[in-house]
N, C-alpha and C. Protein backbone atom coordinates (compact mmCIF):
# COMPACT_ATOMS: atom_id res chain seq x y z
N MET A 1 1.00 -0.98 -0.12
CA MET A 1 0.27 0.24 0.29
C MET A 1 0.89 1.52 -0.17
N TYR A 2 0.54 2.63 -0.88
CA TYR A 2 1.19 3.61 -0.51
C TYR A 2 1.55 4.33 0.53
N HIS A 3 2.33 5.04 1.14
CA HIS A 3 2.12 5.85 2.27
C HIS A 3 1.86 6.94 2.18
N LEU A 4 1.77 7.61 0.46
CA LEU A 4 1.20 8.90 0.04
C LEU A 4 1.17 9.09 -1.08
N ILE A 5 0.16 9.51 -1.06
CA ILE A 5 -0.78 10.21 -2.45
C ILE A 5 -0.18 11.89 -2.68
N ILE A 6 0.41 11.96 -3.70
CA ILE A 6 0.85 13.44 -3.99
C ILE A 6 0.17 13.75 -5.71
N PHE A 7 -0.91 14.73 -5.44
CA PHE A 7 -1.85 15.39 -6.50
C PHE A 7 -1.18 16.47 -7.01
N ASP A 8 -1.00 16.56 -8.60
CA ASP A 8 -1.15 17.96 -9.56
C ASP A 8 -2.32 18.71 -9.20
N MET A 9 -2.28 19.94 -9.43
CA MET A 9 -3.27 20.16 -8.81
C MET A 9 -4.43 20.86 -10.60
N ASP A 10 -3.39 21.78 -11.58
CA ASP A 10 -4.30 22.54 -12.55
C ASP A 10 -4.11 20.99 -13.67
N GLY A 11 -5.24 21.00 -14.17
CA GLY A 11 -5.74 19.52 -15.20
C GLY A 11 -5.72 18.73 -14.62
N LEU A 12 -5.93 18.67 -13.33
CA LEU A 12 -5.70 17.06 -12.69
C LEU A 12 -7.19 17.11 -11.82
N MET A 13 -6.68 17.98 -10.55
CA MET A 13 -7.61 17.74 -9.80
C MET A 13 -9.28 19.28 -10.10
N TYR A 14 -8.69 20.33 -11.07
CA TYR A 14 -9.64 21.18 -11.59
C TYR A 14 -9.18 20.92 -12.99
N ASP A 15 -10.41 21.65 -13.70
CA ASP A 15 -10.32 21.75 -14.98
C ASP A 15 -9.67 23.21 -15.46
N THR A 16 -8.87 23.65 -15.43
CA THR A 16 -8.58 24.81 -15.19
C THR A 16 -7.38 24.95 -16.43
N GLU A 17 -7.09 24.15 -17.25
CA GLU A 17 -5.72 24.47 -18.62
C GLU A 17 -6.55 25.46 -19.35
N ARG A 18 -7.95 25.10 -19.62
CA ARG A 18 -8.19 25.90 -21.00
C ARG A 18 -8.92 27.04 -20.38
N VAL A 19 -8.95 27.34 -18.90
CA VAL A 19 -9.33 28.26 -18.44
C VAL A 19 -7.59 29.39 -18.31
N MET A 20 -6.86 28.63 -18.32
CA MET A 20 -5.54 29.54 -18.44
C MET A 20 -5.26 29.77 -19.79
N ALA A 21 -5.57 28.87 -20.66
CA ALA A 21 -5.02 28.91 -21.67
C ALA A 21 -6.01 30.60 -22.64
N ARG A 22 -6.95 30.51 -22.43
CA ARG A 22 -8.10 31.33 -22.59
C ARG A 22 -7.65 33.08 -21.72
N ALA A 23 -6.77 33.13 -20.72
CA ALA A 23 -6.23 34.06 -20.41
C ALA A 23 -5.26 34.36 -20.43
N TYR A 24 -4.21 33.60 -21.07
CA TYR A 24 -3.04 33.55 -21.86
C TYR A 24 -3.78 34.40 -23.17
N LEU A 25 -4.25 33.73 -23.55
CA LEU A 25 -4.59 34.12 -25.37
C LEU A 25 -5.26 35.58 -25.05
N GLU A 26 -5.88 35.77 -24.16
CA GLU A 26 -6.67 37.10 -24.38
C GLU A 26 -5.66 38.13 -23.48
N THR A 27 -4.48 37.67 -23.08
CA THR A 27 -3.95 38.89 -22.25
C THR A 27 -2.71 39.25 -23.42
N THR A 28 -2.41 38.53 -24.08
CA THR A 28 -1.42 38.71 -25.17
C THR A 28 -1.52 39.26 -26.23
N LYS A 29 -2.83 39.34 -26.08
CA LYS A 29 -3.47 40.21 -27.49
C LYS A 29 -3.81 41.31 -26.68
N GLU A 30 -4.35 41.70 -25.68
CA GLU A 30 -4.20 42.98 -25.10
C GLU A 30 -2.93 43.79 -25.27
N TRP A 31 -2.28 42.99 -24.80
CA TRP A 31 -0.86 43.36 -24.78
C TRP A 31 0.46 43.69 -26.32
N GLY A 32 -0.65 43.36 -27.28
CA GLY A 32 0.10 43.28 -28.83
C GLY A 32 1.07 42.35 -28.82
N VAL A 33 1.32 41.52 -28.68
CA VAL A 33 2.44 40.25 -29.30
C VAL A 33 1.40 39.23 -29.38
N ARG A 34 1.92 38.77 -30.47
CA ARG A 34 1.59 37.77 -31.08
C ARG A 34 1.60 36.24 -30.32
N SER A 35 0.74 35.60 -30.54
CA SER A 35 0.97 33.94 -29.48
C SER A 35 -0.52 33.17 -30.20
N GLN A 36 -0.34 32.09 -29.90
CA GLN A 36 -1.25 31.19 -30.23
C GLN A 36 -1.23 29.75 -28.99
N MET A 37 -2.35 28.82 -29.51
CA MET A 37 -2.33 27.79 -28.73
C MET A 37 -1.07 27.18 -28.45
N ALA A 38 -0.44 26.99 -29.92
CA ALA A 38 0.78 26.03 -29.85
C ALA A 38 1.67 26.78 -28.65
N ASP A 39 1.60 28.01 -28.42
CA ASP A 39 2.74 28.59 -27.59
C ASP A 39 2.17 28.64 -26.21
N PHE A 40 0.89 28.24 -25.92
CA PHE A 40 0.56 28.02 -25.03
C PHE A 40 0.72 26.69 -24.13
N MET A 41 0.63 25.73 -25.05
CA MET A 41 0.92 24.52 -24.64
C MET A 41 2.19 23.93 -24.18
N THR A 42 3.41 24.77 -24.69
CA THR A 42 4.60 24.63 -24.35
C THR A 42 4.85 25.28 -22.50
N LEU A 43 3.76 26.02 -22.02
CA LEU A 43 3.55 26.56 -20.98
C LEU A 43 3.32 25.54 -20.17
N VAL A 44 2.27 24.81 -20.64
CA VAL A 44 1.41 23.67 -19.47
C VAL A 44 2.65 22.67 -18.25
N GLY A 45 2.21 22.77 -17.55
CA GLY A 45 3.13 21.85 -16.38
C GLY A 45 4.22 23.07 -15.32
N SER A 46 4.11 23.71 -16.41
CA SER A 46 5.66 24.64 -15.44
C SER A 46 5.34 25.95 -14.80
N ASP A 47 6.62 25.89 -13.72
CA ASP A 47 6.01 26.60 -12.56
C ASP A 47 5.88 28.35 -12.66
N GLY A 48 6.03 29.25 -12.12
CA GLY A 48 6.11 30.83 -12.72
C GLY A 48 7.30 30.87 -13.21
N LYS A 49 8.50 30.63 -12.99
CA LYS A 49 9.59 30.79 -13.23
C LYS A 49 10.19 30.64 -14.59
N ALA A 50 9.65 29.10 -14.84
CA ALA A 50 9.84 28.53 -16.21
C ALA A 50 9.07 29.14 -17.17
N ILE A 51 7.76 29.50 -16.57
CA ILE A 51 6.85 30.32 -18.26
C ILE A 51 7.49 31.70 -17.93
N CYS A 52 8.03 32.42 -17.10
CA CYS A 52 9.07 33.59 -17.74
C CYS A 52 9.80 33.88 -18.15
N ARG A 53 10.92 32.46 -18.28
CA ARG A 53 12.24 32.38 -18.66
C ARG A 53 11.53 31.45 -20.35
N ARG A 54 10.36 31.20 -20.43
CA ARG A 54 9.45 30.63 -22.01
C ARG A 54 9.28 32.05 -22.55
N TYR A 55 8.24 33.45 -22.03
CA TYR A 55 8.22 34.50 -22.16
C TYR A 55 9.38 35.06 -23.30
N HIS A 56 10.53 35.37 -21.97
CA HIS A 56 11.90 35.91 -22.46
C HIS A 56 12.08 35.35 -24.32
N GLU A 57 12.05 33.37 -23.83
CA GLU A 57 12.60 33.07 -25.25
C GLU A 57 11.51 33.69 -26.19
N MET A 58 10.52 33.31 -26.12
CA MET A 58 9.31 34.26 -27.12
C MET A 58 8.88 35.66 -27.77
N PHE A 59 9.22 36.23 -26.97
CA PHE A 59 9.23 37.87 -26.97
C PHE A 59 10.13 38.66 -26.86
N GLY A 60 11.63 38.06 -26.46
CA GLY A 60 12.36 39.25 -26.48
C GLY A 60 13.21 38.83 -25.06
N ALA A 61 14.30 39.24 -24.99
CA ALA A 61 15.17 39.44 -23.66
C ALA A 61 14.77 40.55 -22.70
N ASP A 62 14.15 41.75 -23.06
CA ASP A 62 14.04 42.87 -22.55
C ASP A 62 12.06 43.11 -22.25
N PHE A 63 11.58 41.66 -22.85
CA PHE A 63 10.20 41.95 -22.31
C PHE A 63 9.92 41.89 -20.77
N ASP A 64 8.52 42.45 -20.74
CA ASP A 64 8.24 42.54 -19.21
C ASP A 64 7.28 40.85 -18.85
N ALA A 65 8.61 39.73 -18.78
CA ALA A 65 7.67 38.24 -18.50
C ALA A 65 6.96 38.57 -17.32
N GLU A 66 7.56 39.19 -16.23
CA GLU A 66 6.40 39.14 -15.19
C GLU A 66 5.67 40.04 -14.96
N GLY A 67 5.55 40.82 -15.85
CA GLY A 67 4.10 41.76 -15.75
C GLY A 67 3.37 40.58 -16.61
N LEU A 68 3.60 40.23 -17.96
CA LEU A 68 2.70 39.50 -17.98
C LEU A 68 2.10 38.31 -17.90
N TYR A 69 2.96 37.69 -16.74
CA TYR A 69 2.47 36.04 -16.15
C TYR A 69 1.12 36.98 -14.89
N ARG A 70 1.49 38.22 -14.17
CA ARG A 70 0.58 38.65 -13.42
C ARG A 70 -0.04 38.68 -13.73
N ALA A 71 -0.61 39.58 -15.33
CA ALA A 71 -1.85 39.79 -15.69
C ALA A 71 -2.56 39.17 -16.61
N SER A 72 -1.84 37.71 -17.18
CA SER A 72 -2.66 36.85 -17.13
C SER A 72 -3.01 35.76 -15.97
N GLY A 73 -2.53 36.04 -14.81
CA GLY A 73 -2.83 35.35 -13.82
C GLY A 73 -4.10 35.91 -13.27
N LEU A 74 -4.41 37.17 -13.06
CA LEU A 74 -5.22 38.18 -12.59
C LEU A 74 -6.90 37.77 -13.64
N ARG A 75 -6.38 37.71 -14.87
CA ARG A 75 -7.39 37.27 -16.08
C ARG A 75 -7.83 35.78 -15.54
N LYS A 76 -6.90 34.62 -15.42
CA LYS A 76 -7.54 33.51 -14.89
C LYS A 76 -8.46 33.56 -14.00
N GLN A 77 -7.98 34.58 -12.79
CA GLN A 77 -8.81 34.47 -11.47
C GLN A 77 -10.05 35.62 -11.85
N GLU A 78 -10.18 36.30 -12.79
CA GLU A 78 -11.41 36.64 -12.84
C GLU A 78 -12.67 35.81 -14.09
N ILE A 79 -11.93 34.92 -14.75
CA ILE A 79 -12.74 33.84 -15.41
C ILE A 79 -13.39 33.21 -14.23
N LEU A 80 -12.32 32.74 -13.32
CA LEU A 80 -12.73 31.61 -12.51
C LEU A 80 -13.57 32.38 -11.46
N THR A 81 -13.60 33.69 -10.88
CA THR A 81 -14.30 34.35 -10.30
C THR A 81 -15.81 34.11 -10.82
N ARG A 82 -15.92 34.43 -11.96
CA ARG A 82 -17.25 34.76 -12.50
C ARG A 82 -18.06 33.25 -13.13
N GLU A 83 -17.39 32.30 -13.29
CA GLU A 83 -17.46 30.88 -14.21
C GLU A 83 -17.44 29.51 -12.53
N GLY A 84 -16.88 30.37 -11.57
CA GLY A 84 -16.73 29.11 -10.67
C GLY A 84 -15.12 28.18 -11.44
N LEU A 85 -14.96 27.24 -10.11
CA LEU A 85 -13.72 26.36 -10.21
C LEU A 85 -14.19 25.42 -10.46
N PRO A 86 -14.25 24.32 -11.81
CA PRO A 86 -14.57 23.31 -12.29
C PRO A 86 -13.70 22.38 -11.82
N VAL A 87 -14.32 21.11 -10.90
CA VAL A 87 -13.61 19.98 -10.11
C VAL A 87 -13.73 19.17 -10.98
N LYS A 88 -12.64 18.28 -10.89
CA LYS A 88 -12.45 17.22 -12.28
C LYS A 88 -13.11 15.82 -11.71
N LYS A 89 -13.77 15.17 -12.58
CA LYS A 89 -14.59 13.85 -12.15
C LYS A 89 -13.58 12.81 -11.17
N GLY A 90 -14.35 12.62 -10.09
CA GLY A 90 -13.98 11.72 -9.59
C GLY A 90 -12.97 11.74 -8.59
N LEU A 91 -12.92 13.31 -8.02
CA LEU A 91 -12.04 13.68 -7.30
C LEU A 91 -12.54 13.38 -5.82
N ARG A 92 -13.76 13.81 -5.48
CA ARG A 92 -13.97 13.45 -3.94
C ARG A 92 -14.12 12.12 -4.03
N LEU A 93 -14.45 11.02 -4.88
CA LEU A 93 -14.43 9.87 -4.78
C LEU A 93 -13.30 9.15 -4.61
N LEU A 94 -12.38 9.87 -5.27
CA LEU A 94 -10.90 9.28 -4.88
C LEU A 94 -10.18 9.82 -3.45
N VAL A 95 -10.08 11.30 -3.20
CA VAL A 95 -10.11 11.41 -1.71
C VAL A 95 -10.76 10.94 -0.83
N ASP A 96 -11.97 10.56 -0.39
CA ASP A 96 -12.90 9.35 0.56
C ASP A 96 -12.20 8.22 0.32
N ALA A 97 -11.70 7.85 -0.73
CA ALA A 97 -11.33 6.17 -0.46
C ALA A 97 -9.87 6.07 -0.27
N ALA A 98 -9.17 7.08 -0.19
CA ALA A 98 -7.68 7.01 0.02
C ALA A 98 -8.03 7.89 1.54
N HIS A 99 -8.63 8.78 2.47
CA HIS A 99 -8.64 8.48 3.64
C HIS A 99 -9.03 7.21 4.08
N GLN A 100 -10.19 6.46 3.84
CA GLN A 100 -10.26 5.34 4.03
C GLN A 100 -9.29 4.20 4.35
N LYS A 101 -8.55 4.47 3.42
CA LYS A 101 -7.72 3.21 3.29
C LYS A 101 -6.36 4.10 4.56
N GLY A 102 -6.55 5.35 4.85
CA GLY A 102 -5.63 5.58 6.08
C GLY A 102 -4.42 6.31 5.39
N ILE A 103 -4.33 6.68 4.05
CA ILE A 103 -3.19 7.06 3.18
C ILE A 103 -3.50 8.73 3.26
N PRO A 104 -2.31 9.21 3.35
CA PRO A 104 -2.18 10.80 3.62
C PRO A 104 -2.42 11.14 2.25
N LEU A 105 -2.73 12.79 1.99
CA LEU A 105 -2.18 13.46 0.78
C LEU A 105 -1.61 14.72 0.79
N ALA A 106 -1.10 14.92 -0.51
CA ALA A 106 -0.60 16.42 -0.56
C ALA A 106 -0.83 16.77 -2.06
N VAL A 107 -0.60 18.10 -2.36
CA VAL A 107 -0.48 18.68 -3.61
C VAL A 107 1.04 18.93 -3.54
N ALA A 108 1.00 19.07 -5.08
CA ALA A 108 2.42 19.74 -5.48
C ALA A 108 2.28 20.33 -7.10
N SER A 109 2.13 21.76 -6.83
CA SER A 109 1.50 22.08 -8.56
C SER A 109 2.27 23.23 -8.59
N GLY A 110 2.23 23.54 -9.93
CA GLY A 110 3.64 24.67 -10.42
C GLY A 110 2.60 25.67 -10.09
N SER A 111 1.10 26.07 -9.96
CA SER A 111 0.92 27.35 -9.54
C SER A 111 1.62 27.64 -8.21
N ASP A 112 1.42 29.61 -7.84
CA ASP A 112 1.44 29.87 -6.91
C ASP A 112 0.96 29.47 -5.71
N ALA A 113 1.69 29.44 -4.60
CA ALA A 113 1.31 28.86 -3.47
C ALA A 113 0.29 29.04 -3.19
N ASP A 114 -0.14 30.82 -3.01
CA ASP A 114 -0.87 31.22 -2.92
C ASP A 114 -2.76 30.97 -3.61
N VAL A 115 -2.19 30.30 -4.76
CA VAL A 115 -3.02 30.00 -5.59
C VAL A 115 -3.50 28.57 -5.45
N VAL A 116 -2.60 27.40 -4.82
CA VAL A 116 -2.59 26.62 -4.61
C VAL A 116 -3.74 26.60 -3.70
N THR A 117 -3.37 27.04 -2.37
CA THR A 117 -4.34 27.47 -0.82
C THR A 117 -5.55 28.19 -1.29
N ARG A 118 -5.39 29.07 -2.03
CA ARG A 118 -7.14 29.60 -2.15
C ARG A 118 -7.97 28.56 -3.32
N SER A 119 -7.41 27.63 -4.26
CA SER A 119 -8.36 27.00 -4.90
C SER A 119 -8.63 25.87 -3.82
N LEU A 120 -7.91 25.11 -3.45
CA LEU A 120 -8.71 24.12 -2.25
C LEU A 120 -9.54 24.85 -1.26
N MET A 121 -9.18 25.51 -0.61
CA MET A 121 -10.40 26.39 0.10
C MET A 121 -11.40 26.57 -0.63
N GLU A 122 -11.73 27.31 -1.93
CA GLU A 122 -12.88 27.72 -2.15
C GLU A 122 -13.56 26.41 -3.01
N THR A 123 -13.11 25.35 -2.96
CA THR A 123 -13.84 24.01 -2.81
C THR A 123 -13.63 23.14 -2.01
N GLY A 124 -13.10 23.43 -0.96
CA GLY A 124 -13.49 22.45 0.18
C GLY A 124 -12.73 21.39 0.11
N TYR A 125 -11.61 21.19 -0.31
CA TYR A 125 -10.66 20.69 -0.04
C TYR A 125 -9.59 20.51 0.55
N LEU A 126 -9.37 21.96 1.31
CA LEU A 126 -8.02 22.18 2.10
C LEU A 126 -7.73 20.95 3.07
N PRO A 127 -9.28 20.60 3.83
CA PRO A 127 -8.94 19.99 4.86
C PRO A 127 -8.19 18.44 4.67
N ASP A 128 -8.73 18.25 3.45
CA ASP A 128 -8.26 16.79 2.95
C ASP A 128 -6.68 16.71 2.72
N PHE A 129 -5.99 17.63 2.50
CA PHE A 129 -4.85 17.59 2.33
C PHE A 129 -3.83 17.66 3.56
N ALA A 130 -2.76 16.86 3.62
CA ALA A 130 -2.19 17.18 4.93
C ALA A 130 -0.70 18.69 4.38
N LEU A 131 -0.44 18.59 3.15
CA LEU A 131 0.34 19.49 2.52
C LEU A 131 -0.01 19.96 1.25
N ALA A 132 -0.04 21.56 1.00
CA ALA A 132 0.11 22.09 0.11
C ALA A 132 1.03 22.81 -0.41
N PHE A 133 1.48 22.48 -1.41
CA PHE A 133 2.96 23.09 -1.82
C PHE A 133 3.21 23.49 -3.15
N SER A 134 3.87 24.59 -3.60
CA SER A 134 4.21 24.89 -4.90
C SER A 134 5.68 24.60 -5.16
N SER A 135 5.79 24.64 -6.85
CA SER A 135 7.04 24.13 -6.70
C SER A 135 7.90 25.70 -6.74
N GLN A 136 7.42 26.75 -6.75
CA GLN A 136 8.13 28.14 -6.79
C GLN A 136 8.52 28.03 -5.36
N GLN A 137 8.61 27.14 -4.57
CA GLN A 137 9.10 27.46 -3.34
C GLN A 137 10.55 26.29 -3.10
N VAL A 138 11.00 25.42 -4.64
CA VAL A 138 12.11 24.61 -4.69
C VAL A 138 12.51 25.28 -5.75
N LYS A 139 14.32 25.24 -5.73
CA LYS A 139 14.83 25.84 -6.77
C LYS A 139 14.28 25.36 -8.56
N ARG A 140 14.29 24.55 -8.54
CA ARG A 140 13.79 23.78 -9.72
C ARG A 140 12.02 22.94 -9.83
N GLY A 141 11.57 23.63 -10.93
CA GLY A 141 9.88 23.15 -11.23
C GLY A 141 10.48 22.26 -12.57
N LYS A 142 9.04 21.49 -12.33
CA LYS A 142 8.86 20.13 -13.79
C LYS A 142 9.55 20.46 -14.21
N PRO A 143 9.75 20.20 -15.33
CA PRO A 143 9.95 18.31 -14.88
C PRO A 143 11.41 17.88 -14.17
N PHE A 144 11.79 18.63 -13.41
CA PHE A 144 12.58 18.30 -12.51
C PHE A 144 11.82 18.01 -11.24
N PRO A 145 12.27 16.87 -10.60
CA PRO A 145 11.59 16.23 -9.29
C PRO A 145 11.68 16.79 -7.93
N ASP A 146 12.55 18.25 -8.27
CA ASP A 146 12.53 18.52 -6.83
C ASP A 146 11.43 18.84 -5.47
N VAL A 147 10.49 19.09 -6.67
CA VAL A 147 8.88 19.62 -5.48
C VAL A 147 8.58 18.41 -5.03
N PHE A 148 8.34 17.07 -6.04
CA PHE A 148 7.64 16.14 -5.35
C PHE A 148 9.12 15.24 -4.28
N LEU A 149 10.40 15.46 -4.39
CA LEU A 149 11.07 15.47 -3.58
C LEU A 149 10.78 15.60 -2.39
N GLU A 150 10.90 16.81 -2.48
CA GLU A 150 10.59 18.30 -1.36
C GLU A 150 8.98 17.38 -0.40
N VAL A 151 8.28 17.34 -1.19
CA VAL A 151 6.85 17.00 -0.41
C VAL A 151 7.04 15.67 -0.01
N CYS A 152 7.91 14.50 -0.35
CA CYS A 152 8.35 13.66 0.37
C CYS A 152 9.02 14.05 1.57
N ARG A 153 10.03 14.75 1.21
CA ARG A 153 10.91 14.67 2.78
C ARG A 153 9.99 15.26 3.65
N GLN A 154 8.69 16.04 3.36
CA GLN A 154 8.71 17.22 4.84
C GLN A 154 7.25 16.23 4.91
N MET A 155 6.95 15.34 4.14
CA MET A 155 6.11 14.20 4.84
C MET A 155 6.21 13.07 5.39
N GLY A 156 8.13 12.68 5.11
CA GLY A 156 8.57 11.40 5.89
C GLY A 156 8.07 10.16 5.05
N VAL A 157 8.20 10.16 3.96
CA VAL A 157 8.01 9.33 3.25
C VAL A 157 8.95 9.04 2.20
N ASP A 158 9.20 7.53 2.12
CA ASP A 158 10.28 7.65 0.99
C ASP A 158 9.36 7.80 -0.57
N PRO A 159 9.90 8.19 -1.48
CA PRO A 159 9.62 8.38 -2.91
C PRO A 159 8.89 7.27 -2.99
N ALA A 160 9.56 5.83 -2.99
CA ALA A 160 9.41 4.50 -3.50
C ALA A 160 8.41 3.82 -2.91
N ASP A 161 7.77 4.73 -2.19
CA ASP A 161 6.16 4.44 -1.44
C ASP A 161 5.46 5.36 -1.67
N THR A 162 5.50 6.36 -2.51
CA THR A 162 4.47 7.46 -2.94
C THR A 162 4.09 7.08 -4.34
N LEU A 163 2.93 7.27 -4.81
CA LEU A 163 2.13 7.53 -6.02
C LEU A 163 1.81 9.07 -6.13
N VAL A 164 2.17 9.27 -7.26
CA VAL A 164 1.79 10.59 -7.93
C VAL A 164 0.57 10.49 -9.20
N LEU A 165 -0.05 11.74 -8.94
CA LEU A 165 -1.38 11.60 -10.15
C LEU A 165 -0.82 12.96 -10.46
N GLU A 166 -0.68 13.17 -11.81
CA GLU A 166 -0.09 13.56 -13.13
C GLU A 166 -1.25 13.98 -14.46
N ASP A 167 -1.01 15.10 -14.73
CA ASP A 167 -1.88 14.88 -16.03
C ASP A 167 -0.82 15.69 -17.61
N SER A 168 0.13 15.78 -17.39
CA SER A 168 0.94 16.68 -18.01
C SER A 168 2.23 15.96 -17.97
N PRO A 169 3.04 15.81 -19.87
CA PRO A 169 3.74 15.33 -19.58
C PRO A 169 4.83 15.79 -18.66
N LYS A 170 5.40 16.92 -18.54
CA LYS A 170 6.74 17.32 -17.34
C LYS A 170 6.29 17.29 -15.99
N GLY A 171 4.99 16.70 -15.77
CA GLY A 171 5.29 16.38 -14.26
C GLY A 171 5.29 14.83 -13.95
N ILE A 172 4.75 14.29 -15.00
CA ILE A 172 4.53 12.65 -15.00
C ILE A 172 6.61 12.26 -15.52
N ARG A 173 6.90 13.27 -16.13
CA ARG A 173 8.50 12.96 -15.97
C ARG A 173 8.98 13.10 -14.98
N ALA A 174 8.66 14.50 -14.13
CA ALA A 174 9.33 14.97 -12.92
C ALA A 174 9.10 13.69 -12.00
N ALA A 175 7.85 13.02 -11.83
CA ALA A 175 7.85 12.24 -10.89
C ALA A 175 8.07 10.86 -10.80
N LEU A 176 8.45 10.42 -11.99
CA LEU A 176 9.17 9.52 -12.56
C LEU A 176 10.29 9.54 -12.18
N ASP A 177 11.03 10.33 -12.70
CA ASP A 177 12.41 10.45 -12.38
C ASP A 177 12.76 10.89 -10.74
N GLY A 178 11.99 11.24 -9.91
CA GLY A 178 11.97 11.50 -8.82
C GLY A 178 12.20 9.77 -8.02
N GLY A 179 11.76 8.60 -8.72
CA GLY A 179 11.38 7.23 -8.42
C GLY A 179 10.28 6.91 -7.39
N MET A 180 9.00 7.47 -8.04
CA MET A 180 7.91 7.50 -7.31
C MET A 180 7.35 7.12 -8.67
N ASP A 181 6.08 5.93 -8.22
CA ASP A 181 4.89 5.72 -9.25
C ASP A 181 3.95 6.31 -9.68
N VAL A 182 3.87 6.16 -10.93
CA VAL A 182 2.81 7.50 -11.62
C VAL A 182 1.51 6.78 -12.24
N ILE A 183 0.18 7.62 -11.90
CA ILE A 183 -1.01 7.34 -12.38
C ILE A 183 -1.13 8.33 -13.38
N ALA A 184 -1.38 8.48 -14.87
CA ALA A 184 -1.57 9.71 -15.58
C ALA A 184 -3.16 9.69 -16.19
N VAL A 185 -3.31 10.99 -15.94
CA VAL A 185 -5.25 11.46 -16.00
C VAL A 185 -4.81 12.23 -17.31
N PRO A 186 -4.49 11.70 -18.44
CA PRO A 186 -4.50 12.98 -19.73
C PRO A 186 -5.40 14.39 -19.37
N ASP A 187 -4.93 15.30 -19.76
CA ASP A 187 -5.71 16.41 -19.63
C ASP A 187 -5.63 17.48 -20.88
N ILE A 188 -4.93 18.06 -21.31
CA ILE A 188 -5.39 18.93 -23.10
C ILE A 188 -4.10 18.47 -23.51
N GLN A 189 -3.00 18.16 -22.87
CA GLN A 189 -1.46 17.60 -23.63
C GLN A 189 -1.53 16.18 -24.09
N PRO A 190 -1.62 15.81 -24.95
CA PRO A 190 -1.28 14.13 -25.47
C PRO A 190 0.40 13.81 -24.19
N ILE A 191 0.04 12.39 -24.04
CA ILE A 191 1.30 11.89 -23.66
C ILE A 191 1.60 10.62 -24.63
N SER A 192 3.18 11.10 -24.16
CA SER A 192 3.71 10.12 -25.35
C SER A 192 3.59 8.65 -25.02
N ARG A 193 4.06 7.71 -26.17
CA ARG A 193 3.81 6.60 -25.62
C ARG A 193 5.31 5.96 -24.82
N GLU A 194 6.61 6.58 -24.78
CA GLU A 194 7.52 6.60 -23.77
C GLU A 194 7.31 6.70 -22.48
N LEU A 195 6.39 7.97 -22.22
CA LEU A 195 5.90 8.07 -20.83
C LEU A 195 4.59 7.47 -20.48
N ARG A 196 4.08 6.85 -20.92
CA ARG A 196 2.70 6.17 -21.15
C ARG A 196 3.26 4.60 -20.33
N GLU A 197 4.44 4.09 -21.44
CA GLU A 197 4.91 2.61 -20.69
C GLU A 197 5.63 2.85 -19.22
N ARG A 198 5.95 3.93 -18.98
CA ARG A 198 6.91 4.05 -17.83
C ARG A 198 5.90 4.19 -16.69
N CYS A 199 4.62 4.65 -16.83
CA CYS A 199 3.71 4.99 -16.09
C CYS A 199 2.78 3.67 -15.42
N LEU A 200 2.46 3.64 -14.12
CA LEU A 200 1.96 2.02 -13.49
C LEU A 200 0.47 2.26 -14.49
N ALA A 201 -0.01 3.51 -14.59
CA ALA A 201 -1.36 3.23 -15.34
C ALA A 201 -1.58 4.82 -15.90
N VAL A 202 -2.19 4.60 -17.31
CA VAL A 202 -3.21 6.01 -17.78
C VAL A 202 -4.59 5.71 -17.76
N VAL A 203 -5.30 6.82 -17.25
CA VAL A 203 -6.69 6.33 -16.89
C VAL A 203 -7.40 7.85 -17.24
N GLU A 204 -8.50 7.45 -17.23
CA GLU A 204 -9.33 8.56 -18.19
C GLU A 204 -10.08 9.43 -16.96
N SER A 205 -10.12 8.91 -16.09
CA SER A 205 -10.44 9.74 -14.91
C SER A 205 -10.29 9.93 -13.62
N LEU A 206 -10.13 10.32 -12.34
CA LEU A 206 -10.00 9.95 -10.97
C LEU A 206 -9.87 8.89 -10.39
N ASP A 207 -11.73 8.80 -10.74
CA ASP A 207 -12.21 7.83 -9.79
C ASP A 207 -11.45 6.22 -10.51
N LYS A 208 -10.75 6.63 -11.85
CA LYS A 208 -10.54 4.92 -11.70
C LYS A 208 -9.22 4.70 -11.36
N VAL A 209 -8.68 6.10 -10.16
CA VAL A 209 -7.46 5.67 -9.49
C VAL A 209 -7.07 4.64 -8.47
N ILE A 210 -8.97 4.41 -7.81
CA ILE A 210 -9.18 4.27 -6.69
C ILE A 210 -8.62 2.20 -6.84
N SER A 211 -8.77 1.67 -7.34
CA SER A 211 -8.43 0.18 -7.78
C SER A 211 -6.83 -0.02 -7.44
N TYR A 212 -6.13 1.16 -7.93
CA TYR A 212 -4.66 0.87 -7.69
C TYR A 212 -4.32 1.22 -6.55
N LEU A 213 -5.37 1.73 -5.35
CA LEU A 213 -4.76 2.04 -3.85
C LEU A 213 -4.41 0.99 -3.42
């Protein structure tokens, strides 16, 4: 039995990647920079530091990457405030099943720490997770395993006894490279055959994870 389950957040717990894409495309248009969905897809699974580095690559060394990052985040929050935070299918069932088996839960997200906490609070899931952690709090974000390894360290659990749930290729690779089992629940990004073969399983929704606990 696993001693810890680590959840990614955006695209895994909440159907927010599409909202983030809308916010990004609307904001870049307002800022007068040319961008498209293919550019956004290169950002999925990254933390804020990596996103800003990518903005510099796309728009130039002198571009106000931090400003665009903040503006896109505010636009995303405006959309979510107006339309609500959509919870992914099967989340409640999986969380309850893990609690019944006595398995601690944690979140390891590329989103800023305040966004992680706010999202869990707004949807009532904050009490269900022993730790909510952002990859902004470690030196390297996904696809490096730092955030997952730090969560394991803080929870006092060996990575080999940990199950990670991820939707993005960057997150999947990070957890695999950290020595953890991974179940992929794909969202807007396709997962390569190579990564699929390294995962414990690839399932269509979170409730399908229950049988692997």
